[in-house]
């Protein structure tokens, strides 16, 4: 990945292992969380993987970042679908209630 500003990327699969971050000075984290929601059929096992990859992975990442004194920004993206599927072209506002269904529950 390339950023339009000086940045160092630390990429890892947090479901497996998070590298020791204590030797890094981290200002911001962009956490693109979890198991791919469009990769496989949503069996009960796959739904559990999707949910666990977000909840447990994020928890591990937060713990690994606990020693970071300069961390100012944490942005996490879990999935689309919080507001549910819409059939209209009307924009959905952030103040809208959560949708229903699996993705809305996960996000």
N, C-alpha and C. Protein backbone atom coordinates (compact mmCIF):
# COMPACT_ATOMS: atom_id res chain seq x y z
N UNK A 1 0.84 -1.19 0.00
CA UNK A 1 0.00 0.00 0.00
C UNK A 1 0.88 1.24 0.00
N UNK A 2 0.38 2.30 -0.61
CA UNK A 2 1.11 3.55 -0.65
C UNK A 2 0.18 4.65 -0.18
N UNK A 3 0.67 5.49 0.71
CA UNK A 3 -0.11 6.61 1.23
C UNK A 3 0.42 7.91 0.64
N UNK A 4 -0.42 8.94 0.55
CA UNK A 4 0.03 10.22 0.01
C UNK A 4 0.82 11.05 1.04
N UNK A 5 1.24 10.44 2.11
CA UNK A 5 2.00 11.09 3.17
C UNK A 5 2.93 10.04 3.77
N UNK A 6 3.94 10.47 4.53
CA UNK A 6 4.85 9.47 5.11
C UNK A 6 4.09 8.52 6.04
N UNK A 7 4.18 7.24 5.75
CA UNK A 7 3.49 6.24 6.56
C UNK A 7 4.23 4.93 6.48
N UNK A 8 4.11 4.16 7.53
CA UNK A 8 4.64 2.80 7.54
C UNK A 8 3.47 1.88 7.80
N UNK A 9 3.33 0.88 6.97
CA UNK A 9 2.22 -0.06 7.08
C UNK A 9 2.69 -1.32 7.80
N UNK A 10 1.90 -1.76 8.73
CA UNK A 10 2.14 -3.04 9.40
C UNK A 10 0.93 -3.90 9.07
N UNK A 11 1.12 -4.86 8.18
CA UNK A 11 0.03 -5.72 7.79
C UNK A 11 0.18 -7.08 8.48
N UNK A 12 -0.94 -7.60 8.98
CA UNK A 12 -0.90 -8.91 9.60
C UNK A 12 -2.31 -9.48 9.65
N UNK A 13 -2.40 -10.76 9.83
CA UNK A 13 -3.68 -11.43 10.02
C UNK A 13 -3.88 -11.57 11.52
N UNK A 14 -4.66 -10.66 12.11
CA UNK A 14 -4.79 -10.65 13.57
C UNK A 14 -5.55 -11.84 14.11
N UNK A 15 -6.16 -12.62 13.24
CA UNK A 15 -6.81 -13.84 13.73
C UNK A 15 -5.75 -14.89 14.07
N UNK A 16 -4.55 -14.72 13.52
CA UNK A 16 -3.48 -15.67 13.77
C UNK A 16 -2.48 -15.12 14.80
N UNK A 17 -1.93 -13.94 14.53
CA UNK A 17 -0.93 -13.39 15.44
C UNK A 17 -0.76 -11.90 15.17
N UNK A 18 -0.59 -11.14 16.23
CA UNK A 18 -0.30 -9.72 16.11
C UNK A 18 1.17 -9.54 16.47
N UNK A 19 1.93 -8.86 15.61
CA UNK A 19 3.35 -8.68 15.93
C UNK A 19 3.51 -7.80 17.16
N UNK A 20 4.65 -7.89 17.80
CA UNK A 20 4.97 -7.04 18.95
C UNK A 20 5.04 -5.60 18.44
N UNK A 21 4.17 -4.76 18.95
CA UNK A 21 4.10 -3.37 18.50
C UNK A 21 4.82 -2.40 19.43
N UNK A 22 5.38 -2.90 20.51
CA UNK A 22 5.97 -2.02 21.52
C UNK A 22 7.16 -1.22 21.01
N UNK A 23 7.86 -1.70 19.99
CA UNK A 23 9.01 -0.96 19.47
C UNK A 23 8.62 0.05 18.40
N UNK A 24 7.35 0.12 18.07
CA UNK A 24 6.86 1.06 17.06
C UNK A 24 6.22 2.27 17.73
N UNK A 25 6.34 3.42 17.08
CA UNK A 25 5.62 4.61 17.52
C UNK A 25 4.43 4.76 16.57
N UNK A 26 3.26 4.41 17.06
CA UNK A 26 2.06 4.36 16.22
C UNK A 26 1.16 5.55 16.54
N UNK A 27 0.84 6.32 15.49
CA UNK A 27 -0.02 7.49 15.64
C UNK A 27 -1.47 7.17 15.27
N UNK A 28 -1.64 6.28 14.30
CA UNK A 28 -2.99 5.98 13.80
C UNK A 28 -3.07 4.53 13.37
N UNK A 29 -4.26 3.96 13.51
CA UNK A 29 -4.52 2.59 13.08
C UNK A 29 -5.76 2.60 12.19
N UNK A 30 -5.64 1.96 11.04
CA UNK A 30 -6.77 1.72 10.16
C UNK A 30 -6.99 0.22 10.16
N UNK A 31 -7.98 -0.20 10.88
CA UNK A 31 -8.23 -1.62 11.11
C UNK A 31 -9.34 -2.10 10.18
N UNK A 32 -8.96 -2.85 9.17
CA UNK A 32 -9.93 -3.40 8.22
C UNK A 32 -10.22 -4.82 8.67
N UNK A 33 -11.26 -4.93 9.47
CA UNK A 33 -11.49 -6.11 10.28
C UNK A 33 -12.09 -7.27 9.55
N UNK A 34 -11.52 -8.42 9.77
CA UNK A 34 -12.18 -9.66 9.65
C UNK A 34 -12.28 -10.45 8.37
N UNK A 35 -12.87 -11.60 8.57
CA UNK A 35 -13.15 -12.60 7.54
C UNK A 35 -13.98 -11.97 6.42
N UNK A 36 -13.67 -12.30 5.20
CA UNK A 36 -14.38 -11.79 4.03
C UNK A 36 -15.84 -12.25 4.09
N UNK A 37 -16.78 -11.30 4.00
CA UNK A 37 -18.20 -11.65 4.09
C UNK A 37 -18.77 -12.13 2.76
N UNK A 38 -18.05 -11.94 1.66
CA UNK A 38 -18.56 -12.34 0.37
C UNK A 38 -17.85 -13.53 -0.23
N UNK A 39 -16.95 -14.12 0.53
CA UNK A 39 -16.09 -15.17 0.02
C UNK A 39 -16.74 -16.56 0.02
N UNK A 40 -17.60 -16.82 0.99
CA UNK A 40 -18.17 -18.17 1.15
C UNK A 40 -19.65 -18.06 1.52
N UNK A 41 -20.36 -19.17 1.39
CA UNK A 41 -21.75 -19.22 1.84
C UNK A 41 -21.80 -19.02 3.35
N UNK A 42 -22.88 -18.42 3.82
CA UNK A 42 -23.01 -18.13 5.25
C UNK A 42 -23.62 -19.29 6.02
N UNK A 43 -22.86 -20.34 6.16
CA UNK A 43 -23.28 -21.44 7.03
C UNK A 43 -23.18 -20.94 8.47
N UNK A 44 -23.69 -21.70 9.40
CA UNK A 44 -23.57 -21.33 10.82
C UNK A 44 -22.10 -21.18 11.21
N UNK A 45 -21.25 -22.10 10.75
CA UNK A 45 -19.82 -22.02 11.06
C UNK A 45 -19.18 -20.77 10.45
N UNK A 46 -19.54 -20.46 9.21
CA UNK A 46 -18.96 -19.29 8.55
C UNK A 46 -19.42 -18.00 9.22
N UNK A 47 -20.67 -17.94 9.64
CA UNK A 47 -21.16 -16.77 10.36
C UNK A 47 -20.38 -16.58 11.66
N UNK A 48 -20.10 -17.67 12.35
CA UNK A 48 -19.31 -17.58 13.59
C UNK A 48 -17.91 -17.07 13.30
N UNK A 49 -17.30 -17.54 12.20
CA UNK A 49 -15.98 -17.06 11.81
C UNK A 49 -16.00 -15.57 11.52
N UNK A 50 -17.01 -15.12 10.81
CA UNK A 50 -17.14 -13.70 10.46
C UNK A 50 -17.24 -12.86 11.73
N UNK A 51 -18.10 -13.26 12.64
CA UNK A 51 -18.28 -12.51 13.88
C UNK A 51 -17.03 -12.56 14.76
N UNK A 52 -16.48 -13.74 14.96
CA UNK A 52 -15.30 -13.90 15.83
C UNK A 52 -14.10 -13.15 15.27
N UNK A 53 -13.96 -13.12 13.94
CA UNK A 53 -12.81 -12.44 13.36
C UNK A 53 -12.85 -10.94 13.64
N UNK A 54 -14.03 -10.41 13.87
CA UNK A 54 -14.16 -9.00 14.17
C UNK A 54 -14.05 -8.72 15.68
N UNK A 55 -14.76 -9.48 16.46
CA UNK A 55 -14.76 -9.22 17.90
C UNK A 55 -13.45 -9.64 18.56
N UNK A 56 -13.02 -10.87 18.33
CA UNK A 56 -11.79 -11.36 18.97
C UNK A 56 -10.55 -10.70 18.38
N UNK A 57 -10.54 -10.52 17.06
CA UNK A 57 -9.40 -9.88 16.42
C UNK A 57 -9.22 -8.45 16.87
N UNK A 58 -10.32 -7.70 16.96
CA UNK A 58 -10.24 -6.32 17.42
C UNK A 58 -9.78 -6.25 18.86
N UNK A 59 -10.27 -7.15 19.70
CA UNK A 59 -9.85 -7.18 21.10
C UNK A 59 -8.35 -7.42 21.21
N UNK A 60 -7.83 -8.38 20.43
CA UNK A 60 -6.38 -8.65 20.44
C UNK A 60 -5.59 -7.43 19.98
N UNK A 61 -6.09 -6.74 18.97
CA UNK A 61 -5.40 -5.56 18.47
C UNK A 61 -5.39 -4.45 19.51
N UNK A 62 -6.50 -4.22 20.16
CA UNK A 62 -6.58 -3.20 21.22
C UNK A 62 -5.58 -3.51 22.32
N UNK A 63 -5.50 -4.76 22.73
CA UNK A 63 -4.54 -5.15 23.76
C UNK A 63 -3.11 -4.91 23.29
N UNK A 64 -2.81 -5.23 22.04
CA UNK A 64 -1.45 -5.03 21.51
C UNK A 64 -1.11 -3.55 21.42
N UNK A 65 -2.10 -2.70 21.28
CA UNK A 65 -1.87 -1.25 21.17
C UNK A 65 -1.86 -0.54 22.51
N UNK A 66 -2.11 -1.25 23.59
CA UNK A 66 -2.26 -0.61 24.90
C UNK A 66 -1.00 0.13 25.36
N UNK A 67 0.16 -0.23 24.86
CA UNK A 67 1.40 0.44 25.26
C UNK A 67 1.71 1.67 24.40
N UNK A 68 0.89 1.94 23.42
CA UNK A 68 1.15 3.05 22.51
C UNK A 68 0.68 4.37 23.13
N UNK A 69 1.64 5.26 23.41
CA UNK A 69 1.32 6.55 24.06
C UNK A 69 0.91 7.62 23.05
N UNK A 70 1.32 7.47 21.79
CA UNK A 70 1.04 8.50 20.78
C UNK A 70 -0.17 8.20 19.90
N UNK A 71 -0.84 7.10 20.16
CA UNK A 71 -1.98 6.72 19.33
C UNK A 71 -3.10 7.74 19.48
N UNK A 72 -3.44 8.40 18.38
CA UNK A 72 -4.48 9.43 18.41
C UNK A 72 -5.73 9.03 17.64
N UNK A 73 -5.56 8.12 16.69
CA UNK A 73 -6.66 7.77 15.80
C UNK A 73 -6.76 6.26 15.65
N UNK A 74 -7.97 5.75 15.79
CA UNK A 74 -8.25 4.34 15.54
C UNK A 74 -9.50 4.29 14.69
N UNK A 75 -9.35 3.82 13.46
CA UNK A 75 -10.49 3.71 12.55
C UNK A 75 -10.67 2.23 12.23
N UNK A 76 -11.85 1.74 12.48
CA UNK A 76 -12.15 0.34 12.21
C UNK A 76 -13.28 0.21 11.21
N UNK A 77 -13.12 -0.69 10.27
CA UNK A 77 -14.17 -0.98 9.29
C UNK A 77 -14.49 -2.46 9.38
N UNK A 78 -15.71 -2.77 9.72
CA UNK A 78 -16.09 -4.16 9.94
C UNK A 78 -16.78 -4.77 8.73
N UNK A 79 -17.76 -4.08 8.19
CA UNK A 79 -18.50 -4.57 7.03
C UNK A 79 -19.50 -3.49 6.63
N UNK A 80 -20.02 -3.62 5.46
CA UNK A 80 -21.14 -2.76 5.09
C UNK A 80 -22.40 -3.46 5.56
N UNK A 81 -23.46 -2.75 5.66
CA UNK A 81 -24.71 -3.40 5.99
C UNK A 81 -25.32 -3.01 7.31
N UNK A 82 -24.72 -2.09 8.06
CA UNK A 82 -25.26 -1.71 9.35
C UNK A 82 -26.71 -1.22 9.23
N UNK A 83 -26.99 -0.49 8.17
CA UNK A 83 -28.33 0.07 7.99
C UNK A 83 -29.27 -0.87 7.25
N UNK A 84 -28.76 -2.05 6.89
CA UNK A 84 -29.58 -3.02 6.17
C UNK A 84 -29.62 -2.71 4.69
N UNK A 85 -30.24 -3.58 3.96
CA UNK A 85 -30.39 -3.39 2.51
C UNK A 85 -31.51 -2.39 2.25
N UNK A 86 -31.27 -1.49 1.32
CA UNK A 86 -32.30 -0.53 0.94
C UNK A 86 -32.59 -0.68 -0.54
N UNK A 87 -33.82 -0.47 -0.89
CA UNK A 87 -34.20 -0.57 -2.31
C UNK A 87 -34.35 0.80 -2.93
N UNK A 88 -34.23 1.84 -2.12
CA UNK A 88 -34.39 3.18 -2.68
C UNK A 88 -33.02 3.80 -2.94
N UNK A 89 -33.04 4.89 -3.69
CA UNK A 89 -31.80 5.60 -3.97
C UNK A 89 -31.60 6.73 -2.97
N UNK A 90 -32.45 6.82 -1.97
CA UNK A 90 -32.34 7.86 -0.97
C UNK A 90 -31.13 7.60 -0.08
N UNK A 91 -30.40 8.66 0.23
CA UNK A 91 -29.23 8.53 1.10
C UNK A 91 -29.66 8.11 2.50
N UNK A 92 -28.86 7.29 3.13
CA UNK A 92 -29.12 6.87 4.50
C UNK A 92 -28.27 7.74 5.42
N UNK A 93 -28.87 8.32 6.41
CA UNK A 93 -28.16 9.20 7.35
C UNK A 93 -27.60 8.37 8.51
N UNK A 94 -26.54 8.86 9.12
CA UNK A 94 -25.93 8.15 10.26
C UNK A 94 -26.88 8.03 11.43
N UNK A 95 -27.87 8.89 11.50
CA UNK A 95 -28.83 8.84 12.60
C UNK A 95 -29.92 7.80 12.38
N UNK A 96 -29.93 7.17 11.22
CA UNK A 96 -30.92 6.13 10.93
C UNK A 96 -30.70 4.94 11.86
N UNK A 97 -31.75 4.23 12.20
CA UNK A 97 -31.58 3.05 13.06
C UNK A 97 -30.87 1.92 12.32
N UNK A 98 -30.34 1.01 13.10
CA UNK A 98 -29.69 -0.16 12.51
C UNK A 98 -30.71 -0.96 11.71
N UNK A 99 -30.22 -1.60 10.68
CA UNK A 99 -31.09 -2.48 9.89
C UNK A 99 -31.26 -3.81 10.58
N UNK A 100 -31.79 -4.75 9.86
CA UNK A 100 -31.95 -6.09 10.42
C UNK A 100 -31.15 -7.07 9.56
N UNK A 101 -30.88 -8.21 10.12
CA UNK A 101 -30.16 -9.22 9.39
C UNK A 101 -28.73 -9.39 9.92
N UNK A 102 -28.07 -10.38 9.38
CA UNK A 102 -26.75 -10.77 9.88
C UNK A 102 -25.71 -9.65 9.81
N UNK A 103 -25.57 -8.99 8.67
CA UNK A 103 -24.55 -7.94 8.55
C UNK A 103 -24.82 -6.77 9.47
N UNK A 104 -26.07 -6.40 9.62
CA UNK A 104 -26.41 -5.32 10.56
C UNK A 104 -26.02 -5.71 11.98
N UNK A 105 -26.25 -6.95 12.34
CA UNK A 105 -25.88 -7.43 13.68
C UNK A 105 -24.37 -7.46 13.86
N UNK A 106 -23.65 -7.89 12.84
CA UNK A 106 -22.18 -7.98 12.93
C UNK A 106 -21.55 -6.61 13.06
N UNK A 107 -22.00 -5.67 12.22
CA UNK A 107 -21.39 -4.34 12.25
C UNK A 107 -21.85 -3.57 13.44
